[in-house]
Amino acid sequence: MSRTLPLHGKTALVTGVSRRRGIGFAVASKLASLGASVVIHHHRPHDLDLPWGGDDLDAVRDGVRAHLTEGARFADFAADLSDASTIPGLIADAAALTGTLDVLVCNHAKSGDDGSILDMTPERLSAFWEVNTRATVLLTAEFARLRAPRPDEPRRPGDRIQGNGPYPGPQGHVFWMTSGQIHGAMRGEVAYAASKAALAGVTATVAQELLELGIVLNTINPGPVNTGYLDPETTDRSLDDLDDWIATTPFGRVGRPEDPAELIAWLATSAGSWVVGQVLTSDGGFSL
């Protein structure tokens, strides 16, 4: 069972699963196929404001359910993660599905309505920060509290979290998503790049603290993955010369949602659990 269904008996929450073209859908489906019970989060109003539009949520649910293995369970919840008050409830509801929560994939993201440095306003920067950065950190904090003993007194800067290690194996897995700003410029996406750079920058700090609880954190840069934004009819950017450029790349294509999903799923198993606190790029060599 452990070889064929390495996530049997585990429960995973994947945020940002509202479109069948999305990375979140691919991750949730892959984790389900490995035996996990799966909880998905979605916020369809965000998609409706973008060129690619919203998907049929019933079809999204059915698509993930189709990958569940015998005995695994499924649930989904809607939440606007820009509202921090929704986060504790989302983690609690996800844990209530089976009584435990083992994997957290923070795939949600705000995109669109970005701009150059000349377009930055406090409101635009805050909107990206609240969803992409603040919500990710707060979700992780709630996930960690499920396993953390209550401190006898407030912790000071530099104080270690007191866990119950050493552990026989990982007590949980957390995945954050960053972007291509770690390899070069992202013209016209200053707010998005800033919010994602913060996650990459704090990965080592949070990973070290989570290890005290036996929780493994890694951050994934999936590279350019076409989730609809590179289709001519639904793009939000210029695609001039894109096909000619892609033809010069080693594999002649951009990423598919299944590409980062395979990496995340492997890292969530015991086979990949020795990889800790890394910012990993999975982009088929684009950054080279």
C-alpha atoms as a PDB file:
ATOM      1  CA  MET A   1       0.000   0.000   0.000  1.00  0.00           C
ATOM      2  CA  SER A   2       2.787   2.439   0.889  1.00  0.00           C
ATOM      3  CA  ARG A   3       4.489   1.912  -2.473  1.00  0.00           C
ATOM      4  CA  THR A   4       1.403   2.174  -4.683  1.00  0.00           C
ATOM      5  CA  LEU A   5      -0.486   4.735  -2.579  1.00  0.00           C
ATOM      6  CA  PRO A   6       2.181   6.560  -0.554  1.00  0.00           C
ATOM      7  CA  LEU A   7      -0.308   9.165   0.744  1.00  0.00           C
ATOM      8  CA  HIS A   8      -2.911   6.645   1.891  1.00  0.00           C
ATOM      9  CA  GLY A   9      -4.384   7.842   5.196  1.00  0.00           C
ATOM     10  CA  LYS A  10      -3.124  11.410   4.717  1.00  0.00           C
ATOM     11  CA  THR A  11      -5.267  14.511   4.258  1.00  0.00           C
ATOM     12  CA  ALA A  12      -4.230  17.441   2.070  1.00  0.00           C
ATOM     13  CA  LEU A  13      -5.573  20.976   1.708  1.00  0.00           C
ATOM     14  CA  VAL A  14      -4.822  22.643  -1.624  1.00  0.00           C
ATOM     15  CA  THR A  15      -5.755  26.311  -1.957  1.00  0.00           C
ATOM     16  CA  GLY A  16      -6.587  28.076  -5.198  1.00  0.00           C
ATOM     17  CA  VAL A  17      -8.346  25.158  -6.912  1.00  0.00           C
ATOM     18  CA  SER A  18     -11.000  26.834  -9.026  1.00  0.00           C
ATOM     19  CA  ARG A  19      -9.998  26.037 -12.617  1.00  0.00           C
ATOM     20  CA  ARG A  20      -9.265  22.743 -14.359  1.00  0.00           C
ATOM     21  CA  ARG A  21      -6.461  24.483 -16.259  1.00  0.00           C
ATOM     22  CA  GLY A  22      -4.786  25.536 -13.007  1.00  0.00           C
ATOM     23  CA  ILE A  23      -1.814  24.198 -11.091  1.00  0.00           C
ATOM     24  CA  GLY A  24      -3.965  23.735  -7.989  1.00  0.00           C
ATOM     25  CA  PHE A  25      -6.308  21.366  -9.800  1.00  0.00           C
ATOM     26  CA  ALA A  26      -3.368  19.315 -11.066  1.00  0.00           C
ATOM     27  CA  VAL A  27      -1.833  19.153  -7.577  1.00  0.00           C
ATOM     28  CA  ALA A  28      -5.101  18.157  -5.902  1.00  0.00           C
ATOM     29  CA  SER A  29      -5.733  15.485  -8.519  1.00  0.00           C
ATOM     30  CA  LYS A  30      -2.222  14.061  -8.193  1.00  0.00           C
ATOM     31  CA  LEU A  31      -2.355  13.931  -4.394  1.00  0.00           C
ATOM     32  CA  ALA A  32      -5.723  12.182  -4.623  1.00  0.00           C
ATOM     33  CA  SER A  33      -4.314   9.607  -7.037  1.00  0.00           C
ATOM     34  CA  LEU A  34      -1.612   8.780  -4.470  1.00  0.00           C
ATOM     35  CA  GLY A  35      -4.226   7.955  -1.852  1.00  0.00           C
ATOM     36  CA  ALA A  36      -4.787  11.231   0.002  1.00  0.00           C
ATOM     37  CA  SER A  37      -8.102  12.593   1.140  1.00  0.00           C
ATOM     38  CA  VAL A  38      -8.299  16.039  -0.433  1.00  0.00           C
ATOM     39  CA  VAL A  39      -9.804  19.368   0.592  1.00  0.00           C
ATOM     40  CA  ILE A  40      -9.796  22.113  -2.013  1.00  0.00           C
ATOM     41  CA  HIS A  41     -10.252  25.834  -1.531  1.00  0.00           C
ATOM     42  CA  HIS A  42     -11.518  28.193  -4.232  1.00  0.00           C
ATOM     43  CA  HIS A  43     -12.441  31.841  -4.734  1.00  0.00           C
ATOM     44  CA  ARG A  44     -14.170  31.992  -8.117  1.00  0.00           C
ATOM     45  CA  PRO A  45     -14.881  35.771  -8.072  1.00  0.00           C
ATOM     46  CA  HIS A  46     -11.163  36.370  -8.627  1.00  0.00           C
ATOM     47  CA  ASP A  47     -11.227  34.335 -11.859  1.00  0.00           C
ATOM     48  CA  LEU A  48     -14.307  36.131 -13.142  1.00  0.00           C
ATOM     49  CA  ASP A  49     -12.350  39.399 -13.136  1.00  0.00           C
ATOM     50  CA  LEU A  50      -9.589  37.962 -15.365  1.00  0.00           C
ATOM     51  CA  PRO A  51      -9.489  37.369 -19.132  1.00  0.00           C
ATOM     52  CA  TRP A  52      -9.666  33.567 -18.796  1.00  0.00           C
ATOM     53  CA  GLY A  53     -12.776  33.765 -16.634  1.00  0.00           C
ATOM     54  CA  GLY A  54     -14.222  31.318 -14.141  1.00  0.00           C
ATOM     55  CA  ASP A  55     -14.624  27.577 -14.522  1.00  0.00           C
ATOM     56  CA  ASP A  56     -17.566  25.325 -13.655  1.00  0.00           C
ATOM     57  CA  LEU A  57     -16.940  24.498  -9.997  1.00  0.00           C
ATOM     58  CA  ASP A  58     -19.035  21.323 -10.201  1.00  0.00           C
ATOM     59  CA  ALA A  59     -16.733  20.128 -12.971  1.00  0.00           C
ATOM     60  CA  VAL A  60     -13.711  21.058 -10.862  1.00  0.00           C
ATOM     61  CA  ARG A  61     -15.069  19.064  -7.919  1.00  0.00           C
ATOM     62  CA  ASP A  62     -15.919  16.083 -10.101  1.00  0.00           C
ATOM     63  CA  GLY A  63     -12.473  16.199 -11.692  1.00  0.00           C
ATOM     64  CA  VAL A  64     -10.690  15.917  -8.353  1.00  0.00           C
ATOM     65  CA  ARG A  65     -13.106  13.287  -7.031  1.00  0.00           C
ATOM     66  CA  ALA A  66     -12.395  11.135 -10.079  1.00  0.00           C
ATOM     67  CA  HIS A  67      -8.819  10.668  -8.820  1.00  0.00           C
ATOM     68  CA  LEU A  68      -9.713   9.653  -5.258  1.00  0.00           C
ATOM     69  CA  THR A  69      -8.808   6.130  -4.217  1.00  0.00           C
ATOM     70  CA  GLU A  70     -10.941   3.776  -2.176  1.00  0.00           C
ATOM     71  CA  GLY A  71     -11.750   5.128   1.275  1.00  0.00           C
ATOM     72  CA  ALA A  72     -10.414   8.634   0.594  1.00  0.00           C
ATOM     73  CA  ARG A  73     -12.659  11.609   1.257  1.00  0.00           C
ATOM     74  CA  PHE A  74     -13.213  14.978  -0.401  1.00  0.00           C
ATOM     75  CA  ALA A  75     -14.457  18.429   0.605  1.00  0.00           C
ATOM     76  CA  ASP A  76     -14.310  21.932  -0.793  1.00  0.00           C
ATOM     77  CA  PHE A  77     -14.637  25.378   0.726  1.00  0.00           C
ATOM     78  CA  ALA A  78     -14.939  28.878  -0.679  1.00  0.00           C
ATOM     79  CA  ALA A  79     -13.039  31.688   1.000  1.00  0.00           C
ATOM     80  CA  ASP A  80     -11.635  35.103   0.145  1.00  0.00           C
ATOM     81  CA  LEU A  81      -8.150  34.828   1.611  1.00  0.00           C
ATOM     82  CA  SER A  82      -7.661  38.589   1.465  1.00  0.00           C
ATOM     83  CA  ASP A  83      -9.881  38.488   4.565  1.00  0.00           C
ATOM     84  CA  ALA A  84      -7.563  37.123   7.244  1.00  0.00           C
ATOM     85  CA  SER A  85     -10.502  36.155   9.471  1.00  0.00           C
ATOM     86  CA  THR A  86     -11.387  33.307   7.070  1.00  0.00           C
ATOM     87  CA  ILE A  87      -8.067  31.506   7.539  1.00  0.00           C
ATOM     88  CA  PRO A  88      -8.457  29.792  10.945  1.00  0.00           C
ATOM     89  CA  GLY A  89     -11.833  28.435   9.889  1.00  0.00           C
ATOM     90  CA  LEU A  90     -10.488  27.073   6.628  1.00  0.00           C
ATOM     91  CA  ILE A  91      -7.730  25.131   8.384  1.00  0.00           C
ATOM     92  CA  ALA A  92     -10.157  23.872  11.042  1.00  0.00           C
ATOM     93  CA  ASP A  93     -12.701  22.760   8.426  1.00  0.00           C
ATOM     94  CA  ALA A  94     -10.019  20.979   6.408  1.00  0.00           C
ATOM     95  CA  ALA A  95      -8.737  19.146   9.486  1.00  0.00           C
ATOM     96  CA  ALA A  96     -12.285  18.162  10.443  1.00  0.00           C
ATOM     97  CA  LEU A  97     -12.752  16.108   7.255  1.00  0.00           C
ATOM     98  CA  THR A  98     -10.734  13.183   8.625  1.00  0.00           C
ATOM     99  CA  GLY A  99      -9.565  14.480  11.996  1.00  0.00           C
ATOM    100  CA  THR A 100      -6.085  15.356  10.770  1.00  0.00           C
ATOM    101  CA  LEU A 101      -4.364  17.590   8.230  1.00  0.00           C
ATOM    102  CA  ASP A 102      -1.024  16.400   6.883  1.00  0.00           C
ATOM    103  CA  VAL A 103      -0.291  18.444   3.761  1.00  0.00           C
ATOM    104  CA  LEU A 104      -0.880  22.137   3.032  1.00  0.00           C
ATOM    105  CA  VAL A 105      -0.313  23.446  -0.496  1.00  0.00           C
ATOM    106  CA  CYS A 106      -0.606  27.247  -0.631  1.00  0.00           C
ATOM    107  CA  ASN A 107      -1.320  27.534  -4.329  1.00  0.00           C
ATOM    108  CA  HIS A 108      -3.716  30.496  -4.207  1.00  0.00           C
ATOM    109  CA  ALA A 109      -2.579  33.737  -5.815  1.00  0.00           C
ATOM    110  CA  LYS A 110      -3.828  37.122  -6.858  1.00  0.00           C
ATOM    111  CA  SER A 111      -2.885  38.005 -10.414  1.00  0.00           C
ATOM    112  CA  GLY A 112      -4.001  40.642 -12.890  1.00  0.00           C
ATOM    113  CA  ASP A 113      -4.328  44.387 -12.216  1.00  0.00           C
ATOM    114  CA  ASP A 114      -0.570  44.705 -11.822  1.00  0.00           C
ATOM    115  CA  GLY A 115       1.779  47.201 -13.407  1.00  0.00           C
ATOM    116  CA  SER A 116       5.203  48.785 -13.623  1.00  0.00           C
ATOM    117  CA  ILE A 117       6.903  50.676 -10.827  1.00  0.00           C
ATOM    118  CA  LEU A 118       5.200  53.825 -12.159  1.00  0.00           C
ATOM    119  CA  ASP A 119       1.806  52.199 -11.571  1.00  0.00           C
ATOM    120  CA  MET A 120       2.351  51.231  -7.945  1.00  0.00           C
ATOM    121  CA  THR A 121      -0.045  52.523  -5.324  1.00  0.00           C
ATOM    122  CA  PRO A 122      -0.472  51.555  -1.671  1.00  0.00           C
ATOM    123  CA  GLU A 123      -3.745  49.865  -2.545  1.00  0.00           C
ATOM    124  CA  ARG A 124      -2.282  47.744  -5.354  1.00  0.00           C
ATOM    125  CA  LEU A 125       0.698  46.623  -3.301  1.00  0.00           C
ATOM    126  CA  SER A 126      -1.495  45.779  -0.318  1.00  0.00           C
ATOM    127  CA  ALA A 127      -3.926  43.756  -2.434  1.00  0.00           C
ATOM    128  CA  PHE A 128      -1.166  41.437  -3.686  1.00  0.00           C
ATOM    129  CA  TRP A 129       0.517  41.254  -0.285  1.00  0.00           C
ATOM    130  CA  GLU A 130      -2.701  40.316   1.520  1.00  0.00           C
ATOM    131  CA  VAL A 131      -3.454  37.332  -0.722  1.00  0.00           C
ATOM    132  CA  ASN A 132      -0.106  36.058  -1.936  1.00  0.00           C
ATOM    133  CA  THR A 133       2.060  36.654   1.117  1.00  0.00           C
ATOM    134  CA  ARG A 134       0.036  37.340   4.246  1.00  0.00           C
ATOM    135  CA  ALA A 135      -2.525  34.597   3.631  1.00  0.00           C
ATOM    136  CA  THR A 136       0.206  32.048   2.893  1.00  0.00           C
ATOM    137  CA  VAL A 137       2.075  32.819   6.108  1.00  0.00           C
ATOM    138  CA  LEU A 138      -1.114  32.830   8.185  1.00  0.00           C
ATOM    139  CA  LEU A 139      -2.327  29.537   6.703  1.00  0.00           C
ATOM    140  CA  THR A 140       1.044  28.038   7.569  1.00  0.00           C
ATOM    141  CA  ALA A 141       0.841  29.407  11.104  1.00  0.00           C
ATOM    142  CA  GLU A 142      -2.595  27.825  11.628  1.00  0.00           C
ATOM    143  CA  PHE A 143      -1.365  24.537  10.185  1.00  0.00           C
ATOM    144  CA  ALA A 144       1.617  24.568  12.545  1.00  0.00           C
ATOM    145  CA  ARG A 145      -0.560  25.336  15.563  1.00  0.00           C
ATOM    146  CA  LEU A 146      -2.335  22.016  15.018  1.00  0.00           C
ATOM    147  CA  ARG A 147       0.908  20.354  16.176  1.00  0.00           C
ATOM    148  CA  ALA A 148       2.438  22.969  18.450  1.00  0.00           C
ATOM    149  CA  PRO A 149       2.279  22.810  22.247  1.00  0.00           C
ATOM    150  CA  ARG A 150       1.058  26.002  23.850  1.00  0.00           C
ATOM    151  CA  PRO A 151       4.000  28.078  25.135  1.00  0.00           C
ATOM    152  CA  ASP A 152       4.176  28.793  28.848  1.00  0.00           C
ATOM    153  CA  GLU A 153       5.067  32.395  28.076  1.00  0.00           C
ATOM    154  CA  PRO A 154       5.363  34.586  24.967  1.00  0.00           C
ATOM    155  CA  ARG A 155       8.346  33.817  22.746  1.00  0.00           C
ATOM    156  CA  ARG A 156      10.980  36.469  22.179  1.00  0.00           C
ATOM    157  CA  PRO A 157      12.945  37.036  18.954  1.00  0.00           C
ATOM    158  CA  GLY A 158      15.496  34.234  18.716  1.00  0.00           C
ATOM    159  CA  ASP A 159      13.640  31.823  21.017  1.00  0.00           C
ATOM    160  CA  ARG A 160      13.231  28.330  19.598  1.00  0.00           C
ATOM    161  CA  ILE A 161       9.845  26.700  19.217  1.00  0.00           C
ATOM    162  CA  GLN A 162       9.707  23.764  21.592  1.00  0.00           C
ATOM    163  CA  GLY A 163       8.683  20.593  19.778  1.00  0.00           C
ATOM    164  CA  ASN A 164       8.785  16.920  20.673  1.00  0.00           C
ATOM    165  CA  GLY A 165      11.607  15.773  18.409  1.00  0.00           C
ATOM    166  CA  PRO A 166      13.438  13.842  17.278  1.00  0.00           C
ATOM    167  CA  TYR A 167      10.684  12.558  15.023  1.00  0.00           C
ATOM    168  CA  PRO A 168      10.539   9.216  13.231  1.00  0.00           C
ATOM    169  CA  GLY A 169       9.507  11.043  10.064  1.00  0.00           C
ATOM    170  CA  PRO A 170       7.818  14.222   8.828  1.00  0.00           C
ATOM    171  CA  GLN A 171       4.815  15.282  10.871  1.00  0.00           C
ATOM    172  CA  GLY A 172       3.455  17.381   8.018  1.00  0.00           C
ATOM    173  CA  HIS A 173       4.351  19.035   4.721  1.00  0.00           C
ATOM    174  CA  VAL A 174       3.822  22.631   3.613  1.00  0.00           C
ATOM    175  CA  PHE A 175       4.359  23.984   0.102  1.00  0.00           C
ATOM    176  CA  TRP A 176       4.574  27.616  -0.912  1.00  0.00           C
ATOM    177  CA  MET A 177       4.578  28.909  -4.489  1.00  0.00           C
ATOM    178  CA  THR A 178       6.953  31.594  -5.674  1.00  0.00           C
ATOM    179  CA  SER A 179       7.627  32.830  -9.203  1.00  0.00           C
ATOM    180  CA  GLY A 180      10.282  33.737 -11.747  1.00  0.00           C
ATOM    181  CA  GLN A 181      11.446  36.862  -9.924  1.00  0.00           C
ATOM    182  CA  ILE A 182      14.188  34.740  -8.362  1.00  0.00           C
ATOM    183  CA  HIS A 183      15.815  34.352 -11.796  1.00  0.00           C
ATOM    184  CA  GLY A 184      15.239  37.684 -13.488  1.00  0.00           C
ATOM    185  CA  ALA A 185      12.996  40.637 -14.183  1.00  0.00           C
ATOM    186  CA  MET A 186       9.208  40.296 -14.450  1.00  0.00           C
ATOM    187  CA  ARG A 187       8.352  43.404 -16.409  1.00  0.00           C
ATOM    188  CA  GLY A 188       5.004  44.957 -15.528  1.00  0.00           C
ATOM    189  CA  GLU A 189       4.432  42.642 -12.544  1.00  0.00           C
ATOM    190  CA  VAL A 190       6.005  44.595  -9.714  1.00  0.00           C
ATOM    191  CA  ALA A 191       3.320  43.934  -7.086  1.00  0.00           C
ATOM    192  CA  TYR A 192       3.052  40.230  -7.914  1.00  0.00           C
ATOM    193  CA  ALA A 193       6.818  39.738  -7.992  1.00  0.00           C
ATOM    194  CA  ALA A 194       7.249  41.578  -4.696  1.00  0.00           C
ATOM    195  CA  SER A 195       4.637  39.436  -2.950  1.00  0.00           C
ATOM    196  CA  LYS A 196       6.163  36.204  -4.250  1.00  0.00           C
ATOM    197  CA  ALA A 197       9.746  37.302  -3.552  1.00  0.00           C
ATOM    198  CA  ALA A 198       8.835  37.724   0.101  1.00  0.00           C
ATOM    199  CA  LEU A 199       7.853  34.054   0.306  1.00  0.00           C
ATOM    200  CA  ALA A 200      11.081  32.891  -1.305  1.00  0.00           C
ATOM    201  CA  GLY A 201      13.062  35.171   0.994  1.00  0.00           C
ATOM    202  CA  VAL A 202      11.520  33.918   4.239  1.00  0.00           C
ATOM    203  CA  THR A 203      11.450  30.222   3.299  1.00  0.00           C
ATOM    204  CA  ALA A 204      14.590  29.296   5.235  1.00  0.00           C
ATOM    205  CA  THR A 205      13.463  31.132   8.375  1.00  0.00           C
ATOM    206  CA  VAL A 206      10.022  29.524   8.495  1.00  0.00           C
ATOM    207  CA  ALA A 207      11.348  26.108   7.432  1.00  0.00           C
ATOM    208  CA  GLN A 208      13.797  26.099  10.337  1.00  0.00           C
ATOM    209  CA  GLU A 209      11.048  26.934  12.822  1.00  0.00           C
ATOM    210  CA  LEU A 210       8.614  24.370  11.404  1.00  0.00           C
ATOM    211  CA  LEU A 211      11.264  21.671  11.714  1.00  0.00           C
ATOM    212  CA  GLU A 212      11.002  21.998  15.485  1.00  0.00           C
ATOM    213  CA  LEU A 213       7.490  20.544  15.010  1.00  0.00           C
ATOM    214  CA  GLY A 214       8.590  17.976  12.452  1.00  0.00           C
ATOM    215  CA  ILE A 215       6.949  19.900   9.589  1.00  0.00           C
ATOM    216  CA  VAL A 216       8.747  20.138   6.246  1.00  0.00           C
ATOM    217  CA  LEU A 217       8.415  23.330   4.180  1.00  0.00           C
ATOM    218  CA  ASN A 218       9.577  23.806   0.583  1.00  0.00           C
ATOM    219  CA  THR A 219       8.831  26.594  -1.879  1.00  0.00           C
ATOM    220  CA  ILE A 220       8.233  25.855  -5.557  1.00  0.00           C
ATOM    221  CA  ASN A 221       8.854  28.065  -8.564  1.00  0.00           C
ATOM    222  CA  PRO A 222       6.914  26.343 -11.358  1.00  0.00           C
ATOM    223  CA  GLY A 223       8.319  28.536 -14.111  1.00  0.00           C
ATOM    224  CA  PRO A 224       6.092  29.531 -17.028  1.00  0.00           C
ATOM    225  CA  VAL A 225       3.062  27.226 -16.898  1.00  0.00           C
ATOM    226  CA  ASN A 226       0.247  27.867 -19.340  1.00  0.00           C
ATOM    227  CA  THR A 227      -2.913  27.925 -17.264  1.00  0.00           C
ATOM    228  CA  GLY A 228      -4.714  29.930 -19.941  1.00  0.00           C
ATOM    229  CA  TYR A 229      -2.779  33.166 -19.746  1.00  0.00           C
ATOM    230  CA  LEU A 230      -0.667  32.196 -22.770  1.00  0.00           C
ATOM    231  CA  ASP A 231      -3.649  31.356 -24.980  1.00  0.00           C
ATOM    232  CA  PRO A 232      -4.295  34.128 -27.529  1.00  0.00           C
ATOM    233  CA  GLU A 233      -8.006  34.315 -26.731  1.00  0.00           C
ATOM    234  CA  THR A 234      -7.529  34.647 -22.949  1.00  0.00           C
ATOM    235  CA  THR A 235      -4.113  36.251 -22.475  1.00  0.00           C
ATOM    236  CA  ASP A 236      -3.486  39.393 -20.441  1.00  0.00           C
ATOM    237  CA  ARG A 237      -0.173  40.213 -22.145  1.00  0.00           C
ATOM    238  CA  SER A 238       1.523  40.524 -25.521  1.00  0.00           C
ATOM    239  CA  LEU A 239       2.326  37.178 -27.144  1.00  0.00           C
ATOM    240  CA  ASP A 240       4.408  38.644 -29.972  1.00  0.00           C
ATOM    241  CA  ASP A 241       7.137  36.206 -31.028  1.00  0.00           C
ATOM    242  CA  LEU A 242       6.188  33.762 -28.243  1.00  0.00           C
ATOM    243  CA  ASP A 243       5.845  30.748 -30.535  1.00  0.00           C
ATOM    244  CA  ASP A 244       9.171  31.466 -32.235  1.00  0.00           C
ATOM    245  CA  TRP A 245      10.899  31.776 -28.877  1.00  0.00           C
ATOM    246  CA  ILE A 246       9.374  28.580 -27.444  1.00  0.00           C
ATOM    247  CA  ALA A 247      10.514  26.694 -30.530  1.00  0.00           C
ATOM    248  CA  THR A 248      14.123  27.474 -29.569  1.00  0.00           C
ATOM    249  CA  THR A 249      13.803  25.956 -26.072  1.00  0.00           C
ATOM    250  CA  PRO A 250      15.071  22.402 -25.396  1.00  0.00           C
ATOM    251  CA  PHE A 251      11.634  20.813 -25.115  1.00  0.00           C
ATOM    252  CA  GLY A 252       9.724  23.163 -27.380  1.00  0.00           C
ATOM    253  CA  ARG A 253       7.001  23.943 -24.875  1.00  0.00           C
ATOM    254  CA  VAL A 254       6.194  25.834 -21.689  1.00  0.00           C
ATOM    255  CA  GLY A 255       5.186  24.053 -18.535  1.00  0.00           C
ATOM    256  CA  ARG A 256       1.970  22.147 -18.010  1.00  0.00           C
ATOM    257  CA  PRO A 257       0.161  22.165 -14.635  1.00  0.00           C
ATOM    258  CA  GLU A 258       1.071  18.510 -14.234  1.00  0.00           C
ATOM    259  CA  ASP A 259       4.791  19.367 -14.190  1.00  0.00           C
ATOM    260  CA  PRO A 260       4.909  21.152 -10.798  1.00  0.00           C
ATOM    261  CA  ALA A 261       2.183  18.808  -9.521  1.00  0.00           C
ATOM    262  CA  GLU A 262       4.470  15.812  -9.987  1.00  0.00           C
ATOM    263  CA  LEU A 263       7.232  17.525  -8.005  1.00  0.00           C
ATOM    264  CA  ILE A 264       4.972  18.596  -5.150  1.00  0.00           C
ATOM    265  CA  ALA A 265       3.396  15.148  -4.905  1.00  0.00           C
ATOM    266  CA  TRP A 266       6.797  13.457  -4.722  1.00  0.00           C
ATOM    267  CA  LEU A 267       8.042  15.881  -2.089  1.00  0.00           C
ATOM    268  CA  ALA A 268       4.924  15.142  -0.015  1.00  0.00           C
ATOM    269  CA  THR A 269       5.806  11.438   0.189  1.00  0.00           C
ATOM    270  CA  SER A 270       8.409   9.815   2.400  1.00  0.00           C
ATOM    271  CA  ALA A 271      10.635   9.439  -0.667  1.00  0.00           C
ATOM    272  CA  GLY A 272      10.952  13.213  -1.050  1.00  0.00           C
ATOM    273  CA  SER A 273      10.917  14.239   2.584  1.00  0.00           C
ATOM    274  CA  TRP A 274      14.680  14.664   2.959  1.00  0.00           C
ATOM    275  CA  VAL A 275      14.378  17.836   0.859  1.00  0.00           C
ATOM    276  CA  VAL A 276      13.752  20.611   3.385  1.00  0.00           C
ATOM    277  CA  GLY A 277      13.646  24.408   3.317  1.00  0.00           C
ATOM    278  CA  GLN A 278      14.487  24.767  -0.376  1.00  0.00           C
ATOM    279  CA  VAL A 279      13.291  27.137  -3.083  1.00  0.00           C
ATOM    280  CA  LEU A 280      13.027  24.733  -6.011  1.00  0.00           C
ATOM    281  CA  THR A 281      12.628  25.677  -9.647  1.00  0.00           C
ATOM    282  CA  SER A 282      10.744  23.256 -11.872  1.00  0.00           C
ATOM    283  CA  ASP A 283      10.787  24.926 -15.289  1.00  0.00           C
ATOM    284  CA  GLY A 284      12.299  22.587 -17.857  1.00  0.00           C
ATOM    285  CA  GLY A 285      15.415  24.764 -18.043  1.00  0.00           C
ATOM    286  CA  PHE A 286      13.717  28.068 -18.925  1.00  0.00           C
ATOM    287  CA  SER A 287      15.693  29.924 -16.265  1.00  0.00           C
ATOM    288  CA  LEU A 288      18.918  28.770 -17.890  1.00  0.00           C
END
